[in-house]
Each structure stands twice: as structure tokens, then as C-alpha cells.
Amino acid sequence: MFKTIDRSSNCEIKAIVKFLNARNVRPCEIYRQISETYGENAMSEGMVQKWVRMFNEERRIVHDEERSGSPSLIAQELMRCIDEKVHSNRRFTISDLSMNFQNISRSLLHEIVTEHLHYKKLSSRWVPDVQKRKRMGAALEFLLVQVSGGRIL
């Protein structure tokens, strides 16, 4: 009996499909061999048939094509408008922002403010994350001075 391979990449299995197809092995036999070697969940029989068809239609590449994915809802212009609103009132809430940007969901507004504009909630104000890093740097410098006995290194 053969050893089974636990982890494999999709392109590895597609390369095997391409090789066995070039040897005129039938798709059901290709599927059986892949299942024995890589396990039942490596590739379905339908996917093996699909890839055999694509290789028969002169496909050469075993890698998937680039996909555009879903279009991003976050545009630079939108981020600039939200940033201006935040600068005009640092004590805003996401609810306040959602009143100004009614066509954007609250979760998307929160994502823009926290992950893209890098604001953090500090007491009742939103501050840029840069200030937090400056405070951490100052605290570390203070600790280093304390450890070195008052001497600046």
C-alpha cells in the first residue's frame, strides 16, 4: 500500500491531473489515484473532470488565474471625507458619522476609522494611533533612564 500525503497545494494536484491526462488516463482513474494518495478531500471527481477538459482544450498553466475579487467599497475620496469629519469633531461617535454618511454601513465606517485611518478611541476622543506610539516611546525612554540609574545612555 502507498503512503498518503496529508498536505498538498492545488497546483501540485492539477499538475498530476495534467500529467496523467497526457498519458491518456481516464478522469475516473485519475480521481481514484489522487484520492488514494492525497485523501478524499483533495479534489472532487467533478473538478478532476473539469481540469481534464481544460487541459484537453490546450490549457498549459496549472495555477488559477488572477481574480479581481469583490470591488472595494473604500475609496480614497471617501477616506479623505471621513478624515475631515473626524478632524472637525474629535468627539464624534460612529452614529454621528453614519448620520453624515447615510449610504455607508456603520461597520464599514468603523473599519475605515480604525483600520484605514488608524484612529483609536481614547477617553471620549478619537486620536491617531501615531500619538499612542509616541507615548509608548516616551515611556520606554523613561524606563531606560530609570534602569541606567539616571544616566542617559
C-alpha atoms as a PDB file:
ATOM      1  CA  MET A   1       0.000   0.000   0.000  1.00  0.00           C
ATOM      2  CA  PHE A   2       1.122   3.561  -0.703  1.00  0.00           C
ATOM      3  CA  LYS A   3       1.816   6.347   1.757  1.00  0.00           C
ATOM      4  CA  THR A   4      -0.788   9.086   1.831  1.00  0.00           C
ATOM      5  CA  ILE A   5       0.245  12.708   1.525  1.00  0.00           C
ATOM      6  CA  ASP A   6      -1.571  14.900   4.036  1.00  0.00           C
ATOM      7  CA  ARG A   7      -0.833  18.384   2.757  1.00  0.00           C
ATOM      8  CA  SER A   8      -0.553  19.415  -0.847  1.00  0.00           C
ATOM      9  CA  SER A   9      -1.110  22.507  -2.925  1.00  0.00           C
ATOM     10  CA  ASN A  10      -3.831  22.760  -5.526  1.00  0.00           C
ATOM     11  CA  CYS A  11      -1.311  23.318  -8.302  1.00  0.00           C
ATOM     12  CA  GLU A  12       0.501  20.112  -7.305  1.00  0.00           C
ATOM     13  CA  ILE A  13      -2.661  18.061  -7.766  1.00  0.00           C
ATOM     14  CA  LYS A  14      -3.510  19.886 -11.009  1.00  0.00           C
ATOM     15  CA  ALA A  15      -0.026  19.071 -12.304  1.00  0.00           C
ATOM     16  CA  ILE A  16      -0.705  15.396 -11.581  1.00  0.00           C
ATOM     17  CA  VAL A  17      -4.027  15.647 -13.413  1.00  0.00           C
ATOM     18  CA  LYS A  18      -2.223  17.254 -16.355  1.00  0.00           C
ATOM     19  CA  PHE A  19       0.455  14.546 -16.370  1.00  0.00           C
ATOM     20  CA  LEU A  20      -1.946  11.619 -16.140  1.00  0.00           C
ATOM     21  CA  ASN A  21      -4.223  13.201 -18.744  1.00  0.00           C
ATOM     22  CA  ALA A  22      -1.255  13.472 -21.109  1.00  0.00           C
ATOM     23  CA  ARG A  23      -0.758   9.722 -20.538  1.00  0.00           C
ATOM     24  CA  ASN A  24      -4.394   9.172 -21.661  1.00  0.00           C
ATOM     25  CA  VAL A  25      -5.557   8.046 -18.221  1.00  0.00           C
ATOM     26  CA  ARG A  26      -9.338   8.373 -17.853  1.00  0.00           C
ATOM     27  CA  PRO A  27     -10.643  11.061 -15.432  1.00  0.00           C
ATOM     28  CA  CYS A  28     -12.282   8.497 -13.113  1.00  0.00           C
ATOM     29  CA  GLU A  29      -8.932   6.670 -12.809  1.00  0.00           C
ATOM     30  CA  ILE A  30      -7.114   9.986 -12.196  1.00  0.00           C
ATOM     31  CA  TYR A  31      -9.600  10.750  -9.418  1.00  0.00           C
ATOM     32  CA  ARG A  32      -9.111   7.301  -7.873  1.00  0.00           C
ATOM     33  CA  GLN A  33      -5.326   7.683  -7.827  1.00  0.00           C
ATOM     34  CA  ILE A  34      -5.485  11.207  -6.364  1.00  0.00           C
ATOM     35  CA  SER A  35      -7.955  10.069  -3.684  1.00  0.00           C
ATOM     36  CA  GLU A  36      -5.739   7.123  -2.712  1.00  0.00           C
ATOM     37  CA  THR A  37      -2.640   9.280  -2.471  1.00  0.00           C
ATOM     38  CA  TYR A  38      -3.953  12.621  -1.194  1.00  0.00           C
ATOM     39  CA  GLY A  39      -7.180  11.628   0.525  1.00  0.00           C
ATOM     40  CA  GLU A  40     -10.830  12.009  -0.338  1.00  0.00           C
ATOM     41  CA  ASN A  41     -10.914  15.789   0.157  1.00  0.00           C
ATOM     42  CA  ALA A  42      -8.003  16.634  -2.146  1.00  0.00           C
ATOM     43  CA  MET A  43     -10.116  17.182  -5.268  1.00  0.00           C
ATOM     44  CA  SER A  44     -13.617  16.114  -6.221  1.00  0.00           C
ATOM     45  CA  GLU A  45     -14.280  13.920  -9.233  1.00  0.00           C
ATOM     46  CA  GLY A  46     -16.132  16.787 -10.905  1.00  0.00           C
ATOM     47  CA  MET A  47     -13.118  19.078 -10.516  1.00  0.00           C
ATOM     48  CA  VAL A  48     -10.837  16.393 -11.963  1.00  0.00           C
ATOM     49  CA  GLN A  49     -13.146  16.168 -14.986  1.00  0.00           C
ATOM     50  CA  LYS A  50     -13.181  19.972 -15.295  1.00  0.00           C
ATOM     51  CA  TRP A  51      -9.373  20.186 -15.247  1.00  0.00           C
ATOM     52  CA  VAL A  52      -9.037  17.299 -17.733  1.00  0.00           C
ATOM     53  CA  ARG A  53     -11.407  19.173 -20.052  1.00  0.00           C
ATOM     54  CA  MET A  54      -9.391  22.388 -19.669  1.00  0.00           C
ATOM     55  CA  PHE A  55      -6.088  20.591 -20.330  1.00  0.00           C
ATOM     56  CA  ASN A  56      -7.630  18.953 -23.404  1.00  0.00           C
ATOM     57  CA  GLU A  57      -8.596  22.443 -24.607  1.00  0.00           C
ATOM     58  CA  GLU A  58      -4.887  23.375 -24.675  1.00  0.00           C
ATOM     59  CA  ARG A  59      -4.609  24.892 -21.210  1.00  0.00           C
ATOM     60  CA  ARG A  60      -0.975  24.779 -20.092  1.00  0.00           C
ATOM     61  CA  ILE A  61      -0.885  26.522 -16.713  1.00  0.00           C
ATOM     62  CA  VAL A  62      -1.816  24.602 -13.548  1.00  0.00           C
ATOM     63  CA  HIS A  63      -2.183  27.770 -11.433  1.00  0.00           C
ATOM     64  CA  ASP A  64      -5.511  29.554 -11.060  1.00  0.00           C
ATOM     65  CA  GLU A  65      -5.987  32.812 -12.908  1.00  0.00           C
ATOM     66  CA  GLU A  66      -5.939  36.103 -11.047  1.00  0.00           C
ATOM     67  CA  ARG A  67      -9.365  37.125  -9.849  1.00  0.00           C
ATOM     68  CA  SER A  68     -10.442  40.648  -9.259  1.00  0.00           C
ATOM     69  CA  GLY A  69     -12.490  39.713  -6.208  1.00  0.00           C
ATOM     70  CA  SER A  70     -15.262  41.903  -4.972  1.00  0.00           C
ATOM     71  CA  PRO A  71     -14.673  45.594  -5.590  1.00  0.00           C
ATOM     72  CA  SER A  72     -13.590  47.586  -2.584  1.00  0.00           C
ATOM     73  CA  LEU A  73     -16.168  49.959  -1.183  1.00  0.00           C
ATOM     74  CA  ILE A  74     -13.448  52.049   0.421  1.00  0.00           C
ATOM     75  CA  ALA A  75     -12.257  54.759  -1.949  1.00  0.00           C
ATOM     76  CA  GLN A  76      -9.555  57.319  -1.220  1.00  0.00           C
ATOM     77  CA  GLU A  77     -12.071  60.133  -1.619  1.00  0.00           C
ATOM     78  CA  LEU A  78     -14.378  58.548   0.971  1.00  0.00           C
ATOM     79  CA  MET A  79     -11.496  58.110   3.429  1.00  0.00           C
ATOM     80  CA  ARG A  80     -10.497  61.759   2.918  1.00  0.00           C
ATOM     81  CA  CYS A  81     -14.079  62.953   3.620  1.00  0.00           C
ATOM     82  CA  ILE A  82     -14.331  60.830   6.771  1.00  0.00           C
ATOM     83  CA  ASP A  83     -10.904  62.052   7.932  1.00  0.00           C
ATOM     84  CA  GLU A  84     -12.045  65.665   7.503  1.00  0.00           C
ATOM     85  CA  LYS A  85     -15.174  64.970   9.589  1.00  0.00           C
ATOM     86  CA  VAL A  86     -13.049  63.375  12.312  1.00  0.00           C
ATOM     87  CA  HIS A  87     -10.687  66.366  12.362  1.00  0.00           C
ATOM     88  CA  SER A  88     -13.605  68.777  12.625  1.00  0.00           C
ATOM     89  CA  ASN A  89     -15.019  66.965  15.685  1.00  0.00           C
ATOM     90  CA  ARG A  90     -12.766  64.600  17.629  1.00  0.00           C
ATOM     91  CA  ARG A  91     -15.608  63.675  19.985  1.00  0.00           C
ATOM     92  CA  PHE A  92     -17.633  62.003  17.280  1.00  0.00           C
ATOM     93  CA  THR A  93     -19.282  58.637  17.507  1.00  0.00           C
ATOM     94  CA  ILE A  94     -19.813  56.151  14.726  1.00  0.00           C
ATOM     95  CA  SER A  95     -23.520  57.051  14.950  1.00  0.00           C
ATOM     96  CA  ASP A  96     -22.641  60.709  14.271  1.00  0.00           C
ATOM     97  CA  LEU A  97     -20.646  59.672  11.238  1.00  0.00           C
ATOM     98  CA  SER A  98     -23.431  57.434   9.983  1.00  0.00           C
ATOM     99  CA  MET A  99     -25.765  60.455  10.012  1.00  0.00           C
ATOM    100  CA  ASN A 100     -23.352  62.272   7.676  1.00  0.00           C
ATOM    101  CA  PHE A 101     -22.649  59.222   5.505  1.00  0.00           C
ATOM    102  CA  GLN A 102     -26.059  57.573   5.312  1.00  0.00           C
ATOM    103  CA  ASN A 103     -25.252  55.354   2.326  1.00  0.00           C
ATOM    104  CA  ILE A 104     -22.404  53.604   4.217  1.00  0.00           C
ATOM    105  CA  SER A 105     -22.951  50.954   6.875  1.00  0.00           C
ATOM    106  CA  ARG A 106     -21.807  51.554  10.436  1.00  0.00           C
ATOM    107  CA  SER A 107     -19.482  48.539  10.328  1.00  0.00           C
ATOM    108  CA  LEU A 108     -17.759  49.878   7.202  1.00  0.00           C
ATOM    109  CA  LEU A 109     -17.407  53.312   8.831  1.00  0.00           C
ATOM    110  CA  HIS A 110     -15.862  51.705  11.907  1.00  0.00           C
ATOM    111  CA  GLU A 111     -13.450  49.729   9.702  1.00  0.00           C
ATOM    112  CA  ILE A 112     -12.390  52.882   7.833  1.00  0.00           C
ATOM    113  CA  VAL A 113     -11.838  54.856  11.047  1.00  0.00           C
ATOM    114  CA  THR A 114      -9.919  52.141  12.901  1.00  0.00           C
ATOM    115  CA  GLU A 115      -8.129  50.081  10.242  1.00  0.00           C
ATOM    116  CA  HIS A 116      -7.559  52.508   7.376  1.00  0.00           C
ATOM    117  CA  LEU A 117      -7.273  55.880   9.110  1.00  0.00           C
ATOM    118  CA  HIS A 118      -5.672  54.289  12.222  1.00  0.00           C
ATOM    119  CA  TYR A 119      -7.682  56.159  14.845  1.00  0.00           C
ATOM    120  CA  LYS A 120      -8.082  54.779  18.365  1.00  0.00           C
ATOM    121  CA  LYS A 121     -10.700  55.713  20.915  1.00  0.00           C
ATOM    122  CA  LEU A 122      -9.050  57.489  23.860  1.00  0.00           C
ATOM    123  CA  SER A 123     -11.438  58.518  26.627  1.00  0.00           C
ATOM    124  CA  SER A 124     -14.101  60.439  24.687  1.00  0.00           C
ATOM    125  CA  ARG A 125     -11.924  61.473  21.748  1.00  0.00           C
ATOM    126  CA  TRP A 126     -10.569  59.678  18.726  1.00  0.00           C
ATOM    127  CA  VAL A 127      -6.841  60.174  18.315  1.00  0.00           C
ATOM    128  CA  PRO A 128      -4.449  58.995  15.627  1.00  0.00           C
ATOM    129  CA  ASP A 129      -2.519  55.853  16.520  1.00  0.00           C
ATOM    130  CA  VAL A 130       0.706  57.833  15.981  1.00  0.00           C
ATOM    131  CA  GLN A 131       0.192  59.619  19.297  1.00  0.00           C
ATOM    132  CA  LYS A 132      -0.103  56.287  21.058  1.00  0.00           C
ATOM    133  CA  ARG A 133       3.221  55.178  19.576  1.00  0.00           C
ATOM    134  CA  LYS A 134       4.867  58.438  20.710  1.00  0.00           C
ATOM    135  CA  ARG A 135       3.590  57.880  24.261  1.00  0.00           C
ATOM    136  CA  MET A 136       4.934  54.320  24.235  1.00  0.00           C
ATOM    137  CA  GLY A 137       8.323  55.568  23.025  1.00  0.00           C
ATOM    138  CA  ALA A 138       8.471  58.186  25.768  1.00  0.00           C
ATOM    139  CA  ALA A 139       7.525  55.608  28.403  1.00  0.00           C
ATOM    140  CA  LEU A 140      10.240  53.225  27.205  1.00  0.00           C
ATOM    141  CA  GLU A 141      12.804  56.029  27.229  1.00  0.00           C
ATOM    142  CA  PHE A 142      11.776  56.885  30.806  1.00  0.00           C
ATOM    143  CA  LEU A 143      12.187  53.241  31.846  1.00  0.00           C
ATOM    144  CA  LEU A 144      15.632  53.050  30.257  1.00  0.00           C
ATOM    145  CA  VAL A 145      16.733  56.138  32.164  1.00  0.00           C
ATOM    146  CA  GLN A 146      15.407  54.636  35.396  1.00  0.00           C
ATOM    147  CA  VAL A 147      17.196  51.327  34.794  1.00  0.00           C
ATOM    148  CA  SER A 148      20.504  53.001  33.991  1.00  0.00           C
ATOM    149  CA  GLY A 149      20.436  54.877  37.310  1.00  0.00           C
ATOM    150  CA  GLY A 150      19.621  58.311  35.991  1.00  0.00           C
ATOM    151  CA  ARG A 151      22.333  58.293  33.360  1.00  0.00           C
ATOM    152  CA  ILE A 152      21.202  58.867  29.799  1.00  0.00           C
ATOM    153  CA  LEU A 153      22.629  56.191  27.549  1.00  0.00           C
END
